[in-house]
Amino acid sequence: MKPSWATVLSNKAGLIEIEINDKDPGFHSIIEELSTEIEPEIIGVKASDLCKRLSIEMIDTIEEN
């Protein structure tokens, strides 16, 4: 099942271009889940954590194409 927050724009030669609906509650829950204190009093999401999570979320979409 494709995530509700992602639209695949292209899938060529193993490179996938997606558009993320950052207003979707599903995407917000991922961001909230991955949020950590990066520095004292600074909360954010590490790019590496987000990329790993998006890769897992997008597997079903890749298999459909």
C-alpha atoms as a PDB file:
ATOM      1  CA  MET A   1       0.000   0.000   0.000  1.00  0.00           C
ATOM      2  CA  LYS A   2       1.405   3.375  -1.044  1.00  0.00           C
ATOM      3  CA  PRO A   3       1.780   5.927   1.757  1.00  0.00           C
ATOM      4  CA  SER A   4      -0.946   8.572   1.607  1.00  0.00           C
ATOM      5  CA  TRP A   5       1.634  11.338   1.925  1.00  0.00           C
ATOM      6  CA  ALA A   6       3.740  10.365  -1.114  1.00  0.00           C
ATOM      7  CA  THR A   7       3.219  10.624  -4.844  1.00  0.00           C
ATOM      8  CA  VAL A   8       5.747   8.986  -7.161  1.00  0.00           C
ATOM      9  CA  LEU A   9       6.645  11.467  -9.892  1.00  0.00           C
ATOM     10  CA  SER A  10       9.075   9.194 -11.728  1.00  0.00           C
ATOM     11  CA  ASN A  11      10.826   5.866 -11.325  1.00  0.00           C
ATOM     12  CA  LYS A  12      13.653   5.524 -13.830  1.00  0.00           C
ATOM     13  CA  ALA A  13      16.817   3.452 -13.599  1.00  0.00           C
ATOM     14  CA  GLY A  14      16.292   2.813  -9.904  1.00  0.00           C
ATOM     15  CA  LEU A  15      16.010   6.503  -9.052  1.00  0.00           C
ATOM     16  CA  ILE A  16      12.668   7.430  -7.572  1.00  0.00           C
ATOM     17  CA  GLU A  17      11.407  10.988  -7.472  1.00  0.00           C
ATOM     18  CA  ILE A  18       8.596  11.528  -4.992  1.00  0.00           C
ATOM     19  CA  GLU A  19       6.530  14.470  -3.899  1.00  0.00           C
ATOM     20  CA  ILE A  20       5.750  14.571  -0.174  1.00  0.00           C
ATOM     21  CA  ASN A  21       2.553  16.098   1.155  1.00  0.00           C
ATOM     22  CA  ASP A  22       3.972  17.547   4.367  1.00  0.00           C
ATOM     23  CA  LYS A  23       0.471  18.438   5.571  1.00  0.00           C
ATOM     24  CA  ASP A  24      -0.610  14.771   5.699  1.00  0.00           C
ATOM     25  CA  PRO A  25      -1.087  13.412   9.255  1.00  0.00           C
ATOM     26  CA  GLY A  26       0.737  10.195   8.298  1.00  0.00           C
ATOM     27  CA  PHE A  27       3.851  12.119   7.370  1.00  0.00           C
ATOM     28  CA  HIS A  28       3.592  14.221  10.532  1.00  0.00           C
ATOM     29  CA  SER A  29       3.461  11.086  12.672  1.00  0.00           C
ATOM     30  CA  ILE A  30       6.720   9.865  11.083  1.00  0.00           C
ATOM     31  CA  ILE A  31       8.369  13.218  11.798  1.00  0.00           C
ATOM     32  CA  GLU A  32       7.138  13.178  15.394  1.00  0.00           C
ATOM     33  CA  GLU A  33       8.360   9.618  15.856  1.00  0.00           C
ATOM     34  CA  LEU A  34      11.847  10.449  14.538  1.00  0.00           C
ATOM     35  CA  SER A  35      12.245  13.783  16.355  1.00  0.00           C
ATOM     36  CA  THR A  36      15.187  13.887  18.727  1.00  0.00           C
ATOM     37  CA  GLU A  37      17.170  16.493  20.604  1.00  0.00           C
ATOM     38  CA  ILE A  38      19.972  17.251  18.157  1.00  0.00           C
ATOM     39  CA  GLU A  39      21.608  19.840  20.399  1.00  0.00           C
ATOM     40  CA  PRO A  40      20.523  21.133  23.793  1.00  0.00           C
ATOM     41  CA  GLU A  41      17.066  22.702  23.311  1.00  0.00           C
ATOM     42  CA  ILE A  42      17.079  22.021  19.543  1.00  0.00           C
ATOM     43  CA  ILE A  43      14.642  19.357  18.367  1.00  0.00           C
ATOM     44  CA  GLY A  44      14.821  18.020  14.845  1.00  0.00           C
ATOM     45  CA  VAL A  45      15.031  14.970  12.617  1.00  0.00           C
ATOM     46  CA  LYS A  46      18.342  13.605  11.417  1.00  0.00           C
ATOM     47  CA  ALA A  47      18.403  13.338   7.628  1.00  0.00           C
ATOM     48  CA  SER A  48      19.843   9.811   7.790  1.00  0.00           C
ATOM     49  CA  ASP A  49      16.967   8.635  10.038  1.00  0.00           C
ATOM     50  CA  LEU A  50      14.371  10.195   7.744  1.00  0.00           C
ATOM     51  CA  CYS A  51      15.904   8.645   4.612  1.00  0.00           C
ATOM     52  CA  LYS A  52      15.983   5.205   6.249  1.00  0.00           C
ATOM     53  CA  ARG A  53      12.344   5.524   7.304  1.00  0.00           C
ATOM     54  CA  LEU A  54      11.199   6.824   3.915  1.00  0.00           C
ATOM     55  CA  SER A  55      12.938   3.940   2.214  1.00  0.00           C
ATOM     56  CA  ILE A  56      10.930   1.490   4.330  1.00  0.00           C
ATOM     57  CA  GLU A  57       7.672   3.398   3.744  1.00  0.00           C
ATOM     58  CA  MET A  58       8.226   3.521  -0.019  1.00  0.00           C
ATOM     59  CA  ILE A  59       8.970  -0.208  -0.531  1.00  0.00           C
ATOM     60  CA  ASP A  60       5.381  -1.039  -1.446  1.00  0.00           C
ATOM     61  CA  THR A  61       5.258   1.803  -3.938  1.00  0.00           C
ATOM     62  CA  ILE A  62       8.450   0.605  -5.606  1.00  0.00           C
ATOM     63  CA  GLU A  63       7.072  -2.917  -5.894  1.00  0.00           C
ATOM     64  CA  GLU A  64       3.902  -1.627  -7.583  1.00  0.00           C
ATOM     65  CA  ASN A  65       5.858   0.100 -10.383  1.00  0.00           C
END
